[in-house]
Every structure is written in C-alpha cells, then in structure tokens.
Protein backbone atom coordinates (compact mmCIF):
# COMPACT_ATOMS: atom_id res chain seq x y z
CA MET A 1 -38.06 23.42 117.23
CA SER A 2 -41.32 23.19 119.12
CA ASP A 3 -41.83 25.33 122.22
CA THR A 4 -44.96 23.36 123.16
CA VAL A 5 -44.93 21.66 126.56
CA LEU A 6 -46.85 18.38 126.68
CA HIS A 7 -47.58 16.24 129.71
CA LEU A 8 -48.18 12.62 128.69
CA THR A 9 -50.01 10.41 131.17
CA GLY A 10 -51.32 6.87 131.13
CA ARG A 11 -48.96 4.35 129.52
CA VAL A 12 -45.79 5.48 127.78
CA LEU A 13 -44.36 2.33 126.17
CA ARG A 14 -40.59 2.69 126.05
CA GLY A 15 -40.09 -0.96 125.07
CA PRO A 16 -41.95 -4.27 124.88
CA ASP A 17 -41.73 -4.70 128.68
CA ASP A 18 -40.90 -1.16 129.73
CA GLU A 19 -43.63 1.35 130.45
CA VAL A 20 -43.97 4.41 132.64
CA ALA A 21 -47.00 6.36 133.76
CA GLU A 22 -45.93 9.78 132.53
CA ALA A 23 -43.49 11.71 130.40
CA TRP A 24 -42.97 15.26 129.23
CA VAL A 25 -42.25 16.85 125.88
CA ILE A 26 -40.07 19.95 126.15
CA ALA A 27 -38.51 21.78 123.19
CA GLY A 28 -39.34 18.94 120.87
CA ARG A 29 -37.73 16.22 122.99
CA ILE A 30 -39.01 13.68 125.47
CA THR A 31 -38.04 13.58 129.13
CA PHE A 32 -39.07 11.36 131.99
CA GLU A 33 -37.83 13.78 134.64
CA THR A 34 -40.45 16.25 135.83
CA PRO A 35 -39.19 19.61 134.56
CA GLU A 36 -39.62 23.04 136.10
CA LYS A 37 -41.94 23.91 133.25
CA ALA A 38 -44.29 21.19 134.48
CA ALA A 39 -46.00 23.71 136.71
CA THR A 40 -46.75 26.13 133.92
CA ALA A 41 -50.37 26.65 132.99
CA ASP A 42 -49.74 26.25 129.27
CA ALA A 43 -48.63 22.60 129.51
CA ALA A 44 -51.09 20.49 127.53
CA ARG A 45 -52.03 17.16 129.06
CA LEU A 46 -52.63 14.12 126.87
CA GLU A 47 -53.84 10.87 128.39
CA GLY A 48 -53.75 7.44 126.77
CA THR A 49 -51.21 4.89 125.54
CA PHE A 50 -48.15 6.23 123.74
CA LEU A 51 -45.85 4.43 121.31
CA PRO A 52 -42.80 5.66 119.41
CA GLY A 53 -43.73 6.96 115.98
CA LEU A 54 -44.41 3.96 113.80
CA VAL A 55 -41.94 2.80 111.15
CA ASP A 56 -42.86 1.80 107.61
CA ALA A 57 -39.70 -0.07 106.69
CA HIS A 58 -40.57 -0.46 103.00
CA CYS A 59 -42.36 2.28 101.11
CA HIS A 60 -41.76 4.49 98.08
CA VAL A 61 -42.38 8.22 98.48
CA GLY A 62 -43.04 9.94 95.17
CA LEU A 63 -43.63 6.72 93.23
CA GLU A 64 -46.84 5.71 91.46
CA ALA A 65 -47.72 2.82 89.14
CA HIS A 66 -46.45 4.73 86.09
CA GLY A 67 -43.15 5.75 87.71
CA GLY A 68 -41.93 8.88 89.46
CA ALA A 69 -44.61 11.29 90.68
CA PRO A 70 -42.88 14.19 92.46
CA GLU A 71 -46.17 16.08 92.57
CA ASN A 72 -47.57 13.40 94.91
CA ALA A 73 -44.62 13.02 97.28
CA GLU A 74 -46.03 15.42 99.87
CA ALA A 75 -49.41 13.66 99.84
CA HIS A 76 -47.66 10.31 100.34
CA ALA A 77 -45.73 11.62 103.33
CA LEU A 78 -48.85 13.17 104.85
CA ALA A 79 -50.81 9.94 104.46
CA ASP A 80 -48.09 8.08 106.32
CA ARG A 81 -48.01 10.76 109.01
CA ALA A 82 -51.77 10.50 109.51
CA ALA A 83 -51.32 6.75 110.07
CA GLY A 84 -48.69 7.41 112.74
CA ALA A 85 -45.76 6.36 110.52
CA LEU A 86 -43.15 8.97 111.40
CA LEU A 87 -40.06 7.13 110.17
CA LEU A 88 -40.07 5.84 106.59
CA ARG A 89 -37.51 3.63 104.90
CA ASP A 90 -37.88 4.60 101.27
CA CYS A 91 -36.97 1.41 99.44
CA GLY A 92 -36.35 2.95 96.04
CA SER A 93 -37.73 5.96 94.21
CA PRO A 94 -36.76 7.82 91.04
CA VAL A 95 -37.80 11.06 92.77
CA ASP A 96 -35.43 13.19 94.86
CA THR A 97 -37.23 13.73 98.17
CA HIS A 98 -34.42 15.39 100.12
CA TRP A 99 -36.55 18.54 100.37
CA ILE A 100 -38.69 16.64 102.89
CA ASP A 101 -35.77 16.79 105.34
CA ASN A 102 -36.37 20.55 105.62
CA ARG A 103 -40.05 20.13 106.51
CA GLU A 104 -40.57 19.74 110.24
CA ASP A 105 -44.18 18.70 109.64
CA LEU A 106 -43.30 15.63 107.54
CA PRO A 107 -41.95 12.23 108.60
CA ARG A 108 -38.27 11.44 108.69
CA ILE A 109 -37.00 9.37 105.76
CA VAL A 110 -34.17 6.86 105.41
CA ARG A 111 -33.55 6.51 101.66
CA ALA A 112 -32.15 3.75 99.49
CA GLY A 113 -31.71 5.92 96.40
CA ARG A 114 -33.27 4.55 93.22
CA HIS A 115 -33.82 0.85 92.51
CA ILE A 116 -31.07 -0.82 90.50
CA ALA A 117 -32.45 -3.42 88.09
CA ARG A 118 -31.34 -5.51 85.15
CA THR A 119 -32.26 -4.17 81.70
CA LYS A 120 -35.93 -4.91 80.91
CA ARG A 121 -36.28 -7.03 84.05
CA TYR A 122 -38.42 -4.77 86.21
CA ILE A 123 -41.32 -2.34 86.15
CA LYS A 124 -40.85 0.34 83.51
CA ASN A 125 -39.73 3.80 84.76
CA PHE A 126 -38.97 2.62 88.30
CA ALA A 127 -35.29 1.73 88.27
CA HIS A 128 -31.89 2.29 86.79
CA GLU A 129 -31.81 -0.54 84.24
CA ILE A 130 -28.24 -1.69 83.70
CA GLU A 131 -26.06 -4.68 82.90
CA PRO A 132 -23.85 -6.57 85.40
CA GLU A 133 -20.62 -4.86 84.36
CA ASP A 134 -22.07 -1.53 85.57
CA LEU A 135 -23.47 -2.82 88.85
CA VAL A 136 -20.62 -1.76 91.13
CA ALA A 137 -20.58 1.79 89.75
CA TYR A 138 -24.32 2.21 90.17
CA VAL A 139 -24.26 0.75 93.67
CA ARG A 140 -21.62 3.28 94.68
CA GLN A 141 -23.66 6.08 93.09
CA GLU A 142 -26.88 5.18 94.91
CA ALA A 143 -25.05 4.56 98.19
CA ARG A 144 -23.86 8.16 98.05
CA ARG A 145 -27.32 9.46 97.15
CA GLY A 146 -29.16 7.51 99.83
CA ASP A 147 -29.15 7.46 103.61
CA GLY A 148 -27.24 4.27 104.27
CA TRP A 149 -29.12 1.83 102.02
CA VAL A 150 -28.97 0.55 98.44
CA LYS A 151 -31.84 -1.35 96.79
CA LEU A 152 -31.31 -4.03 94.14
CA VAL A 153 -33.98 -5.88 92.17
CA GLY A 154 -32.93 -9.45 92.79
CA ASP A 155 -35.42 -11.40 90.72
CA TRP A 156 -38.29 -10.85 88.31
CA ILE A 157 -40.03 -12.77 85.59
CA ASP A 158 -37.67 -14.08 82.91
CA ARG A 159 -39.77 -14.19 79.76
CA ASP A 160 -37.55 -16.79 78.14
CA ALA A 161 -37.87 -19.10 81.15
CA GLY A 162 -41.51 -18.22 81.72
CA ASP A 163 -40.98 -17.91 85.47
CA LEU A 164 -39.25 -15.95 88.21
CA ALA A 165 -35.47 -16.04 87.85
CA PRO A 166 -32.50 -14.19 89.36
CA CYS A 167 -31.64 -10.94 87.58
CA TRP A 168 -27.90 -11.01 88.22
CA PRO A 169 -25.14 -13.58 87.74
CA LYS A 170 -23.87 -14.67 91.15
CA GLU A 171 -20.36 -13.43 90.46
CA ALA A 172 -21.63 -9.84 90.04
CA LEU A 173 -23.24 -9.63 93.47
CA LYS A 174 -20.42 -9.84 95.99
CA PRO A 175 -18.30 -7.05 94.43
CA ALA A 176 -21.40 -4.82 94.36
CA ILE A 177 -22.36 -5.52 97.95
CA ASP A 178 -18.76 -5.09 99.07
CA ALA A 179 -18.72 -1.71 97.29
CA ALA A 180 -21.86 -0.60 99.15
CA HIS A 181 -20.31 -1.62 102.46
CA GLU A 182 -17.18 0.35 101.60
CA GLU A 183 -19.44 3.37 101.07
CA GLY A 184 -21.04 2.84 104.49
CA ALA A 185 -24.34 1.55 103.11
CA ARG A 186 -26.31 -1.62 103.70
CA VAL A 187 -27.88 -3.50 100.80
CA THR A 188 -31.36 -4.90 100.41
CA ALA A 189 -32.96 -6.67 97.47
CA HIS A 190 -36.40 -7.35 96.06
CA CYS A 191 -36.76 -11.15 95.95
CA PHE A 192 -39.95 -13.10 95.33
CA GLY A 193 -38.47 -16.47 94.37
CA GLU A 194 -36.12 -19.04 95.85
CA GLN A 195 -32.79 -19.04 93.99
CA SER A 196 -32.03 -15.34 94.32
CA LEU A 197 -32.03 -15.75 98.11
CA VAL A 198 -29.21 -18.29 97.92
CA ASP A 199 -27.18 -16.00 95.67
CA PHE A 200 -27.61 -12.94 97.89
CA ASP A 201 -26.85 -14.84 101.06
CA GLU A 202 -23.55 -16.01 99.63
CA ALA A 203 -22.78 -12.45 98.49
CA GLY A 204 -23.21 -10.99 102.00
CA ILE A 205 -26.47 -9.04 101.71
CA ASP A 206 -27.96 -7.29 104.76
CA CYS A 207 -31.71 -7.55 104.13
CA ILE A 208 -34.28 -9.04 101.77
CA GLU A 209 -37.60 -7.48 100.80
CA HIS A 210 -40.65 -9.78 100.43
CA ALA A 211 -38.67 -13.01 101.01
CA SER A 212 -41.64 -15.12 99.92
CA GLY A 213 -39.30 -17.78 98.48
CA LEU A 214 -37.60 -18.65 101.76
CA THR A 215 -37.11 -22.37 102.35
CA GLU A 216 -35.87 -24.37 105.32
CA GLU A 217 -32.38 -24.17 103.83
CA THR A 218 -32.30 -20.43 103.21
CA ILE A 219 -33.97 -19.64 106.52
CA ALA A 220 -31.09 -21.41 108.27
CA MET A 221 -28.59 -19.52 106.12
CA PHE A 222 -30.24 -16.18 106.90
CA ALA A 223 -30.34 -16.95 110.60
CA GLU A 224 -26.62 -17.75 110.61
CA ARG A 225 -25.72 -14.50 108.84
CA ASP A 226 -28.38 -12.34 110.60
CA ILE A 227 -30.04 -11.25 107.35
CA ALA A 228 -33.20 -9.30 108.14
CA ILE A 229 -36.42 -9.55 106.14
CA VAL A 230 -39.24 -7.10 105.42
CA PRO A 231 -41.99 -9.39 104.08
CA THR A 232 -44.55 -6.74 103.02
CA LEU A 233 -47.36 -9.20 103.70
CA ILE A 234 -50.12 -6.90 102.51
CA ASN A 235 -48.37 -6.69 99.15
CA LEU A 236 -47.84 -10.46 98.94
CA ASP A 237 -51.62 -10.64 99.00
CA ASN A 238 -51.50 -9.25 95.43
CA PHE A 239 -49.72 -12.37 94.13
CA PRO A 240 -52.93 -14.01 92.84
CA SER A 241 -53.67 -10.94 90.71
CA PHE A 242 -50.09 -10.96 89.41
CA ALA A 243 -50.57 -14.63 88.53
CA GLN A 244 -53.81 -13.96 86.73
CA ALA A 245 -52.22 -11.18 84.68
CA GLY A 246 -49.45 -13.52 83.50
CA GLU A 247 -51.47 -16.71 83.19
CA LYS A 248 -51.94 -16.76 79.44
CA LYS A 249 -48.32 -16.22 78.44
CA PHE A 250 -46.53 -17.60 81.48
CA PRO A 251 -48.51 -20.39 83.17
CA GLY A 252 -45.43 -21.60 85.05
CA TYR A 253 -44.94 -18.17 86.55
CA ALA A 254 -48.64 -17.96 87.46
CA ALA A 255 -48.55 -21.30 89.26
CA HIS A 256 -45.37 -20.29 91.09
CA MET A 257 -46.86 -17.01 92.31
CA ARG A 258 -50.00 -18.75 93.55
CA ASP A 259 -47.90 -21.26 95.45
CA LEU A 260 -45.78 -18.53 97.06
CA HIS A 261 -48.99 -16.77 98.09
CA ALA A 262 -50.62 -19.90 99.51
CA ARG A 263 -47.69 -20.59 101.85
CA ARG A 264 -46.76 -17.02 102.69
CA TYR A 265 -47.78 -17.20 106.37
CA GLU A 266 -46.09 -20.57 106.81
CA THR A 267 -42.92 -19.24 105.16
CA ILE A 268 -42.63 -16.06 107.22
CA GLY A 269 -43.77 -17.92 110.33
CA ALA A 270 -40.89 -20.36 109.91
CA ALA A 271 -38.51 -17.41 109.54
CA ARG A 272 -39.88 -15.93 112.75
CA ASP A 273 -39.51 -19.25 114.57
CA ALA A 274 -35.87 -19.43 113.44
CA GLY A 275 -35.16 -16.03 114.98
CA LEU A 276 -34.85 -13.91 111.83
CA ARG A 277 -35.31 -10.20 112.40
CA ILE A 278 -38.57 -9.17 110.74
CA PHE A 279 -39.77 -5.61 110.19
CA ALA A 280 -43.05 -4.13 109.01
CA GLY A 281 -43.16 -2.58 105.57
CA THR A 282 -46.15 -1.91 103.35
CA ASP A 283 -44.57 -1.48 99.90
CA ALA A 284 -46.72 1.63 99.53
CA GLY A 285 -46.19 3.48 96.26
CA GLY A 286 -46.59 1.87 92.88
CA GLN A 287 -49.13 -0.80 93.87
CA LEU A 288 -50.56 0.23 97.24
CA PRO A 289 -51.51 3.56 98.83
CA HIS A 290 -49.58 5.03 101.72
CA GLY A 291 -50.79 4.93 105.31
CA LEU A 292 -51.29 1.16 105.70
CA VAL A 293 -48.67 0.33 108.33
CA ALA A 294 -51.31 -0.73 110.89
CA ARG A 295 -52.58 -3.35 108.44
CA GLU A 296 -49.08 -4.75 108.01
CA VAL A 297 -48.61 -5.04 111.77
CA GLU A 298 -51.93 -6.86 112.05
CA GLU A 299 -50.76 -9.30 109.35
CA MET A 300 -47.83 -10.24 111.57
CA LEU A 301 -50.26 -12.04 113.87
CA ASN A 302 -50.91 -14.49 111.04
CA VAL A 303 -47.28 -15.68 111.13
CA GLY A 304 -47.46 -16.53 114.82
CA MET A 305 -46.34 -13.30 116.46
CA SER A 306 -47.86 -12.03 119.69
CA ALA A 307 -49.36 -8.55 119.62
CA THR A 308 -46.34 -7.10 121.40
CA GLU A 309 -43.95 -8.84 119.01
CA ALA A 310 -45.91 -7.57 116.01
CA ILE A 311 -45.89 -4.01 117.35
CA ALA A 312 -42.12 -4.21 117.81
CA THR A 313 -41.68 -4.82 114.07
CA ALA A 314 -42.91 -1.26 113.50
CA THR A 315 -41.67 0.49 116.65
CA TRP A 316 -38.84 -0.26 119.06
CA GLY A 317 -37.13 -2.97 117.03
CA ALA A 318 -37.47 -1.19 113.69
CA ARG A 319 -36.14 2.08 115.06
CA GLU A 320 -33.10 0.41 116.56
CA TRP A 321 -32.44 -1.39 113.25
CA LEU A 322 -32.54 1.89 111.34
CA GLY A 323 -30.44 3.76 113.89
CA HIS A 324 -33.20 5.99 115.25
CA GLU A 325 -34.12 6.40 118.91
CA ALA A 326 -37.42 5.28 120.36
CA LEU A 327 -38.80 6.76 123.60
CA VAL A 328 -35.59 7.32 125.54
CA GLU A 329 -34.50 10.31 127.56
CA GLY A 330 -33.74 13.27 125.31
CA ALA A 331 -34.92 11.60 122.09
CA PRO A 332 -36.89 13.57 119.50
CA ALA A 333 -40.54 13.53 120.52
CA ASP A 334 -41.98 11.51 117.62
CA LEU A 335 -44.78 9.46 119.08
CA VAL A 336 -48.36 8.34 118.61
CA GLN A 337 -51.19 8.38 121.15
CA TYR A 338 -53.94 5.75 121.27
CA GLU A 339 -57.14 5.60 123.28
CA SER A 340 -56.35 2.06 124.46
CA ASP A 341 -53.34 -0.24 124.61
CA PRO A 342 -52.49 -1.77 121.19
CA ARG A 343 -50.90 -4.73 122.98
CA ASP A 344 -54.42 -5.80 123.88
CA ASP A 345 -55.68 -5.37 120.31
CA VAL A 346 -53.31 -4.36 117.51
CA ARG A 347 -56.23 -3.03 115.45
CA VAL A 348 -56.06 0.02 117.72
CA LEU A 349 -52.99 1.08 115.69
CA ALA A 350 -55.27 2.04 112.81
CA ALA A 351 -56.94 4.77 114.88
CA PRO A 352 -54.41 7.14 116.48
CA THR A 353 -55.85 9.72 118.86
CA HIS A 354 -53.00 12.14 118.25
CA VAL A 355 -49.79 12.09 116.24
CA ILE A 356 -46.89 14.05 117.72
CA LEU A 357 -43.98 14.89 115.43
CA ARG A 358 -40.90 16.77 116.63
CA GLY A 359 -42.83 17.69 119.78
CA ARG A 360 -45.88 19.12 118.01
CA VAL A 361 -49.35 17.63 117.75
CA VAL A 362 -49.81 17.40 113.98
CA GLU A 363 -52.83 15.12 113.64
C-alpha cells in the first residue's frame, strides 16, 4: 500500500456532472476531506484535470496473432497502464494472467477465461474449440476460472455457406447462459453478423462484443432486455482488410464485411439513440496493439456521442458496469491526470500527464 500523500487540485471529475476543486490521496485511497496529513511538507501537489483510471472493456492480455504469448503479458499490461487504462476487461485469453493480481504496479483485470468456440470456427490457437454438447460444461469451467465473465464466439465465417453464420444451434445457448448465471458469471459473445444477435438475445445474454450486425429489430430487443454492447470501433475498421483476405474464396463474405463496415457508425449510433449501454473496448491483442483506449473513445464521437458521453464509456459508466469504484470517498486511488479538460477535447486522453495507480505515480 502506498504511503505517498498527494494533493490533487484543479478539476477532479467524480462523474459527468460532478467535479470538485481538490482531493487527497492517502494510503492508496482517495479522500475529499482535508486530512491532518495535508499540512505535511512531503505532500506532493499535482494540478490539472483528473479522471478515474480509464477502462478498456475489451482486450486480450497475453494474446498475439499466433495465439497465447505469456512472455508478452507484462508488456501488454504496461502499455495499457501508460495509456491510462487501469482497469482491463480481458475478453478471452489462453494465458493465465492471475499473477498480475499480485503486482501493485500493473492494472487491475476482470477476466472472462478463455474464448469458447465451435470446432474449426475461429482463429487457430485462441479458443477452446468444442461441439454444442460440451458447451455447458465448458461455460461452467471458464466461469470458475474467470472474474465474473464468460466469452463465447457467436459467429464466424462458415466455409460451406461462404459467409458469416452463427456458430451454435439456438437450443444450445440458453442452457449454457443459464449455467454461467448459476455460477455467478455474465456472458458476452463475439458477434459480427445479424442472426447470432437474435439467437443470443432469446437465450438471455448479458453483452455483445462488436455488434456490427445490429438492426432496428435487434436494437429494440437489446434495449428491452438491457443487453450492453462493446463495439470495438477501431477494430471494426479492419473489416475491409478481412474482406480483401477472403475475397477470392468467399465473395459473399467479403461483400458482407464491407457493408457492415460502411454502416458501422450508423449502426452503433442507432444503438446509442435507443439507449443501449455502450462501453469502450479496443480488442487489443491478436490484431491490435495495447494502449489504444483513447482512440476508441474518440471514435465514439462518430456515433453521435458528446465528449462527456464518450468519456463515460471508458470511465464512470464502465467502472460501475464492471463493479469497480470511480472517484468516490475511500476508493482505491486509480486515476489519470491531464493538462486540460478532456470534455473540451477528447484527444487530450491520448496524452496523460501522470498516471496514478493504487496511490502511486507510475507514469
């Protein structure tokens, strides 16, 4: 636990419309009551705008394009820390990263265990590849290994169909999701296309990753059931390259991916207008490097969000969704300092002045 005393002045943003002019960090926790230690000469003063540590709600620590890379897990976590991302929702990794929990200098992680995919229907070496009759057992297994989340691969290219298609029969989904809920875990799923969203909605899922196939119908369904989405907009920007790679063998798939990409802002914007809860995730690991959360927040402006609304997808709102405190009295002092107010220009998020983790200045 840190014994550093910090005096924060300027703008401490406790919520979208809640700011105070000063706060203190004592013994690794934040307080808004001037403590006796405030008069001590060793209190370090930091002046600027302060936000809760950013949240990357979809990343993969210890995962590279070829599969698990335990030797790179620390570097991934440090890259996120440098970007101000101090709470990571690891959305599937074949690498056991529980050792990070014992490192006070590394971000906090909420894990979803390892991806669960259909046999030969996902990226090689990423997931458990199983058949529907084993889905419930594997969901229970990963629920117990994770930190309250399970990650399914909901759709992928079907080579026989030549296009995106659901990976699981509908009747297999509800028992699996019910099993996760019995284990105290929420379920999310990778879904690019349209039909898988209908199937997961009916099965009672909690969240969808990417969600590029949302339609007016499924947006209404998600709104009714309060299904959250993490659109990973900076990863959706890779759809044209995915299309090009599959063009020769699967022209239908290629055309579909280009269409999903072309309307991505319209799709997620309609979800936002309907009141769906949306959170910022980069999909770092595998395709993209870590440390890009500021870019994802900036992308939220393209779906019609205000700067404050976009910031909330990676701060106050995301922390509440994951069950972690923001800047409230007595909370762990995980916060990021900026020279100016990101609500005036979200690009400021890409240039933290200081990163404070567990009460210590680490960057």
